[in-house]
Amino acid sequence: MATITFRTDEGVDRALADLSAGERDRSQVIREAILAAWHRRQAERLRAEAEVLAADPVDRAEAQAVLADMELLRAW
């Protein structure tokens, strides 16, 4: 596991003190913040990819065809 050193400002110091005031220590709070930021970035990437696909008329037509096929199978 790596050790990271970084500089904080007053706002970050206050936030870190507040977030680590309970049972979580500073390291745990920082790890959780990094993972939360990473999850948000992954969601943003997926959202952007979905928007590109949704704007693609060929992909939309194929998705509609697949849904129509699924509806036919359900009707059997």
C-alpha atoms as a PDB file:
ATOM      1  CA  MET A   1       0.000   0.000   0.000  1.00  0.00           C
ATOM      2  CA  ALA A   2       1.356   3.418  -0.991  1.00  0.00           C
ATOM      3  CA  THR A   3       1.755   6.380   1.305  1.00  0.00           C
ATOM      4  CA  ILE A   4       0.727   9.753  -0.105  1.00  0.00           C
ATOM      5  CA  THR A   5       1.581  13.175   1.259  1.00  0.00           C
ATOM      6  CA  PHE A   6      -0.401  16.208   0.167  1.00  0.00           C
ATOM      7  CA  ARG A   7      -1.003  19.776   1.260  1.00  0.00           C
ATOM      8  CA  THR A   8      -4.406  20.838   2.492  1.00  0.00           C
ATOM      9  CA  ASP A   9      -5.978  24.241   2.810  1.00  0.00           C
ATOM     10  CA  GLU A  10      -8.240  25.528   5.589  1.00  0.00           C
ATOM     11  CA  GLY A  11     -11.404  24.217   3.937  1.00  0.00           C
ATOM     12  CA  VAL A  12      -9.966  20.747   3.471  1.00  0.00           C
ATOM     13  CA  ASP A  13      -8.656  20.749   7.051  1.00  0.00           C
ATOM     14  CA  ARG A  14     -12.140  21.617   8.377  1.00  0.00           C
ATOM     15  CA  ALA A  15     -13.830  19.018   6.184  1.00  0.00           C
ATOM     16  CA  LEU A  16     -11.322  16.332   7.116  1.00  0.00           C
ATOM     17  CA  ALA A  17     -11.648  17.110  10.820  1.00  0.00           C
ATOM     18  CA  ASP A  18     -15.438  16.933  10.590  1.00  0.00           C
ATOM     19  CA  LEU A  19     -15.452  13.712   8.540  1.00  0.00           C
ATOM     20  CA  SER A  20     -12.949  11.983  10.816  1.00  0.00           C
ATOM     21  CA  ALA A  21     -14.563  13.122  14.077  1.00  0.00           C
ATOM     22  CA  GLY A  22     -16.473   9.843  14.427  1.00  0.00           C
ATOM     23  CA  GLU A  23     -15.177   6.331  14.182  1.00  0.00           C
ATOM     24  CA  ARG A  24     -13.320   6.806  10.892  1.00  0.00           C
ATOM     25  CA  ASP A  25      -9.723   7.957  10.889  1.00  0.00           C
ATOM     26  CA  ARG A  26      -8.265  10.458   8.435  1.00  0.00           C
ATOM     27  CA  SER A  27      -6.784   7.778   6.200  1.00  0.00           C
ATOM     28  CA  GLN A  28     -10.107   5.997   5.905  1.00  0.00           C
ATOM     29  CA  VAL A  29     -11.907   9.262   5.083  1.00  0.00           C
ATOM     30  CA  ILE A  30      -9.341  10.069   2.376  1.00  0.00           C
ATOM     31  CA  ARG A  31      -9.542   6.557   0.884  1.00  0.00           C
ATOM     32  CA  GLU A  32     -13.344   6.780   0.783  1.00  0.00           C
ATOM     33  CA  ALA A  33     -13.183  10.219  -0.867  1.00  0.00           C
ATOM     34  CA  ILE A  34     -10.811   8.967  -3.565  1.00  0.00           C
ATOM     35  CA  LEU A  35     -12.986   5.944  -4.275  1.00  0.00           C
ATOM     36  CA  ALA A  36     -16.124   8.100  -4.380  1.00  0.00           C
ATOM     37  CA  ALA A  37     -14.457  10.434  -6.895  1.00  0.00           C
ATOM     38  CA  TRP A  38     -13.388   7.450  -8.986  1.00  0.00           C
ATOM     39  CA  HIS A  39     -16.923   6.014  -8.955  1.00  0.00           C
ATOM     40  CA  ARG A  40     -18.312   9.392 -10.061  1.00  0.00           C
ATOM     41  CA  ARG A  41     -15.802   9.521 -12.926  1.00  0.00           C
ATOM     42  CA  GLN A  42     -16.734   6.001 -14.019  1.00  0.00           C
ATOM     43  CA  ALA A  43     -20.430   6.945 -13.962  1.00  0.00           C
ATOM     44  CA  GLU A  44     -19.697  10.092 -15.990  1.00  0.00           C
ATOM     45  CA  ARG A  45     -17.819   8.029 -18.587  1.00  0.00           C
ATOM     46  CA  LEU A  46     -20.652   5.516 -18.843  1.00  0.00           C
ATOM     47  CA  ARG A  47     -23.204   8.321 -19.118  1.00  0.00           C
ATOM     48  CA  ALA A  48     -21.192   9.979 -21.903  1.00  0.00           C
ATOM     49  CA  GLU A  49     -20.898   6.670 -23.755  1.00  0.00           C
ATOM     50  CA  ALA A  50     -24.631   6.058 -23.396  1.00  0.00           C
ATOM     51  CA  GLU A  51     -25.359   9.534 -24.764  1.00  0.00           C
ATOM     52  CA  VAL A  52     -23.183   8.846 -27.809  1.00  0.00           C
ATOM     53  CA  LEU A  53     -24.948   5.536 -28.403  1.00  0.00           C
ATOM     54  CA  ALA A  54     -28.372   7.099 -27.884  1.00  0.00           C
ATOM     55  CA  ALA A  55     -27.557   9.711 -30.535  1.00  0.00           C
ATOM     56  CA  ASP A  56     -26.441   7.061 -33.066  1.00  0.00           C
ATOM     57  CA  PRO A  57     -29.391   6.283 -35.371  1.00  0.00           C
ATOM     58  CA  VAL A  58     -27.929   2.924 -36.429  1.00  0.00           C
ATOM     59  CA  ASP A  59     -27.475   1.802 -32.831  1.00  0.00           C
ATOM     60  CA  ARG A  60     -30.961   3.037 -31.904  1.00  0.00           C
ATOM     61  CA  ALA A  61     -32.500   1.090 -34.796  1.00  0.00           C
ATOM     62  CA  GLU A  62     -30.689  -2.070 -33.738  1.00  0.00           C
ATOM     63  CA  ALA A  63     -31.786  -1.640 -30.119  1.00  0.00           C
ATOM     64  CA  GLN A  64     -35.395  -1.187 -31.261  1.00  0.00           C
ATOM     65  CA  ALA A  65     -35.137  -4.321 -33.402  1.00  0.00           C
ATOM     66  CA  VAL A  66     -33.814  -6.324 -30.454  1.00  0.00           C
ATOM     67  CA  LEU A  67     -36.645  -5.065 -28.244  1.00  0.00           C
ATOM     68  CA  ALA A  68     -39.195  -5.970 -30.905  1.00  0.00           C
ATOM     69  CA  ASP A  69     -37.726  -9.486 -31.125  1.00  0.00           C
ATOM     70  CA  MET A  70     -37.893  -9.817 -27.347  1.00  0.00           C
ATOM     71  CA  GLU A  71     -41.554  -8.762 -27.375  1.00  0.00           C
ATOM     72  CA  LEU A  72     -42.286 -11.411 -30.016  1.00  0.00           C
ATOM     73  CA  LEU A  73     -40.609 -14.068 -27.866  1.00  0.00           C
ATOM     74  CA  ARG A  74     -42.616 -12.988 -24.820  1.00  0.00           C
ATOM     75  CA  ALA A  75     -45.834 -13.284 -26.797  1.00  0.00           C
ATOM     76  CA  TRP A  76     -45.173 -16.990 -27.482  1.00  0.00           C
END
